[in-house]
């Protein structure tokens, strides 16, 4: 459970931070490219900046999906086992 959680967390963090860092570096060192107009007043830089919101939304959606498919079932089984052990321990101690 830990390795599944950790591996996804590392990958999601690298993608999110990498996308943001790429945007910041391009804004600093490729200002001419970022200022090129796409449609009207919409520039490449503005489009990539708005794309950061999309990137974060996709990352959050993938995180929730990963947790529901991989982590939550294991957690529910562990809680059920813990409840079963706790309830069986209480019954054996009563006189």
C-alpha atoms as a PDB file:
ATOM      1  CA  UNK A   1       0.000   0.000   0.000  1.00  0.00           C
ATOM      2  CA  UNK A   2       2.820   2.394   0.861  1.00  0.00           C
ATOM      3  CA  UNK A   3       4.759   1.712  -2.326  1.00  0.00           C
ATOM      4  CA  UNK A   4       1.673   2.212  -4.507  1.00  0.00           C
ATOM      5  CA  UNK A   5       0.855   5.474  -2.755  1.00  0.00           C
ATOM      6  CA  UNK A   6       4.467   6.671  -2.822  1.00  0.00           C
ATOM      7  CA  UNK A   7       5.148   5.807  -6.469  1.00  0.00           C
ATOM      8  CA  UNK A   8       2.050   7.630  -7.673  1.00  0.00           C
ATOM      9  CA  UNK A   9       2.761  10.595  -5.419  1.00  0.00           C
ATOM     10  CA  UNK A  10       6.287  10.960  -6.745  1.00  0.00           C
ATOM     11  CA  UNK A  11       5.166  10.734 -10.374  1.00  0.00           C
ATOM     12  CA  UNK A  12       2.315  13.207  -9.877  1.00  0.00           C
ATOM     13  CA  UNK A  13       4.583  15.653  -8.067  1.00  0.00           C
ATOM     14  CA  UNK A  14       7.253  15.469 -10.758  1.00  0.00           C
ATOM     15  CA  UNK A  15       4.742  16.072 -13.538  1.00  0.00           C
ATOM     16  CA  UNK A  16       3.039  18.979 -11.748  1.00  0.00           C
ATOM     17  CA  UNK A  17       6.191  20.694 -10.545  1.00  0.00           C
ATOM     18  CA  UNK A  18       7.933  19.967 -13.850  1.00  0.00           C
ATOM     19  CA  UNK A  19       5.122  21.587 -15.819  1.00  0.00           C
ATOM     20  CA  UNK A  20       5.121  24.645 -13.599  1.00  0.00           C
ATOM     21  CA  UNK A  21       8.922  24.928 -13.659  1.00  0.00           C
ATOM     22  CA  UNK A  22       8.950  24.626 -17.454  1.00  0.00           C
ATOM     23  CA  UNK A  23       6.398  27.431 -17.679  1.00  0.00           C
ATOM     24  CA  UNK A  24       8.401  29.687 -15.360  1.00  0.00           C
ATOM     25  CA  UNK A  25      11.666  29.011 -17.183  1.00  0.00           C
ATOM     26  CA  UNK A  26      10.063  29.634 -20.570  1.00  0.00           C
ATOM     27  CA  UNK A  27       8.603  32.898 -19.250  1.00  0.00           C
ATOM     28  CA  UNK A  28      12.070  33.981 -18.145  1.00  0.00           C
ATOM     29  CA  UNK A  29      14.242  32.778 -21.005  1.00  0.00           C
ATOM     30  CA  UNK A  30      11.897  32.545 -24.001  1.00  0.00           C
ATOM     31  CA  UNK A  31       9.903  35.746 -23.615  1.00  0.00           C
ATOM     32  CA  UNK A  32       9.721  36.252 -27.383  1.00  0.00           C
ATOM     33  CA  UNK A  33       8.099  32.854 -27.832  1.00  0.00           C
ATOM     34  CA  UNK A  34       5.722  33.359 -24.926  1.00  0.00           C
ATOM     35  CA  UNK A  35       4.586  36.730 -26.303  1.00  0.00           C
ATOM     36  CA  UNK A  36       3.635  35.410 -29.724  1.00  0.00           C
ATOM     37  CA  UNK A  37      -0.028  35.891 -30.469  1.00  0.00           C
ATOM     38  CA  UNK A  38      -2.251  32.891 -31.175  1.00  0.00           C
ATOM     39  CA  UNK A  39      -5.690  34.438 -31.632  1.00  0.00           C
ATOM     40  CA  UNK A  40      -6.259  38.143 -31.030  1.00  0.00           C
ATOM     41  CA  UNK A  41      -4.788  39.028 -27.636  1.00  0.00           C
ATOM     42  CA  UNK A  42      -4.358  35.388 -26.609  1.00  0.00           C
ATOM     43  CA  UNK A  43      -0.632  34.619 -26.423  1.00  0.00           C
ATOM     44  CA  UNK A  44       1.269  31.357 -26.114  1.00  0.00           C
ATOM     45  CA  UNK A  45       2.305  32.338 -22.577  1.00  0.00           C
ATOM     46  CA  UNK A  46      -1.268  32.984 -21.494  1.00  0.00           C
ATOM     47  CA  UNK A  47      -2.394  29.707 -23.052  1.00  0.00           C
ATOM     48  CA  UNK A  48       0.352  27.777 -21.257  1.00  0.00           C
ATOM     49  CA  UNK A  49      -0.466  29.583 -18.011  1.00  0.00           C
ATOM     50  CA  UNK A  50      -4.112  28.576 -18.287  1.00  0.00           C
ATOM     51  CA  UNK A  51      -2.905  25.086 -19.150  1.00  0.00           C
ATOM     52  CA  UNK A  52      -1.426  24.909 -15.640  1.00  0.00           C
ATOM     53  CA  UNK A  53      -4.971  24.804 -14.261  1.00  0.00           C
ATOM     54  CA  UNK A  54      -5.796  21.958 -16.635  1.00  0.00           C
ATOM     55  CA  UNK A  55      -2.626  20.112 -15.606  1.00  0.00           C
ATOM     56  CA  UNK A  56      -3.491  20.446 -11.913  1.00  0.00           C
ATOM     57  CA  UNK A  57      -7.081  19.340 -12.543  1.00  0.00           C
ATOM     58  CA  UNK A  58      -5.929  16.242 -14.421  1.00  0.00           C
ATOM     59  CA  UNK A  59      -3.397  15.467 -11.686  1.00  0.00           C
ATOM     60  CA  UNK A  60      -6.095  15.728  -9.004  1.00  0.00           C
ATOM     61  CA  UNK A  61      -8.481  13.568 -11.028  1.00  0.00           C
ATOM     62  CA  UNK A  62      -5.789  10.897 -11.533  1.00  0.00           C
ATOM     63  CA  UNK A  63      -4.940  11.006  -7.820  1.00  0.00           C
ATOM     64  CA  UNK A  64      -8.561  10.460  -6.792  1.00  0.00           C
ATOM     65  CA  UNK A  65      -8.960   7.653  -9.328  1.00  0.00           C
ATOM     66  CA  UNK A  66      -5.734   5.989  -8.162  1.00  0.00           C
ATOM     67  CA  UNK A  67      -6.782   6.178  -4.518  1.00  0.00           C
ATOM     68  CA  UNK A  68     -10.222   4.717  -5.259  1.00  0.00           C
ATOM     69  CA  UNK A  69      -8.826   1.833  -7.302  1.00  0.00           C
ATOM     70  CA  UNK A  70      -5.614   0.926  -5.463  1.00  0.00           C
ATOM     71  CA  UNK A  71      -5.542   2.288  -1.930  1.00  0.00           C
ATOM     72  CA  UNK A  72      -9.164   2.438  -0.717  1.00  0.00           C
ATOM     73  CA  UNK A  73      -9.911  -1.290  -1.222  1.00  0.00           C
ATOM     74  CA  UNK A  74      -6.828  -2.256   0.786  1.00  0.00           C
ATOM     75  CA  UNK A  75      -7.722   0.236   3.500  1.00  0.00           C
ATOM     76  CA  UNK A  76     -11.285  -1.096   3.744  1.00  0.00           C
ATOM     77  CA  UNK A  77     -10.021  -4.681   4.050  1.00  0.00           C
ATOM     78  CA  UNK A  78      -7.545  -3.693   6.784  1.00  0.00           C
ATOM     79  CA  UNK A  79     -10.247  -1.857   8.729  1.00  0.00           C
ATOM     80  CA  UNK A  80     -12.588  -4.838   8.446  1.00  0.00           C
ATOM     81  CA  UNK A  81      -9.852  -7.158   9.708  1.00  0.00           C
ATOM     82  CA  UNK A  82      -9.068  -4.807  12.588  1.00  0.00           C
ATOM     83  CA  UNK A  83     -12.758  -4.635  13.562  1.00  0.00           C
ATOM     84  CA  UNK A  84     -13.033  -8.413  13.385  1.00  0.00           C
ATOM     85  CA  UNK A  85      -9.968  -8.886  15.587  1.00  0.00           C
ATOM     86  CA  UNK A  86     -11.170  -6.255  18.046  1.00  0.00           C
ATOM     87  CA  UNK A  87     -14.655  -7.757  18.266  1.00  0.00           C
ATOM     88  CA  UNK A  88     -13.370 -11.312  18.679  1.00  0.00           C
ATOM     89  CA  UNK A  89     -10.965 -10.151  21.393  1.00  0.00           C
ATOM     90  CA  UNK A  90     -13.798  -8.546  23.375  1.00  0.00           C
ATOM     91  CA  UNK A  91     -15.918 -11.675  23.260  1.00  0.00           C
ATOM     92  CA  UNK A  92     -13.164 -13.957  24.542  1.00  0.00           C
ATOM     93  CA  UNK A  93     -12.464 -11.732  27.565  1.00  0.00           C
ATOM     94  CA  UNK A  94     -16.038 -11.598  28.848  1.00  0.00           C
ATOM     95  CA  UNK A  95     -16.830 -14.056  31.647  1.00  0.00           C
END
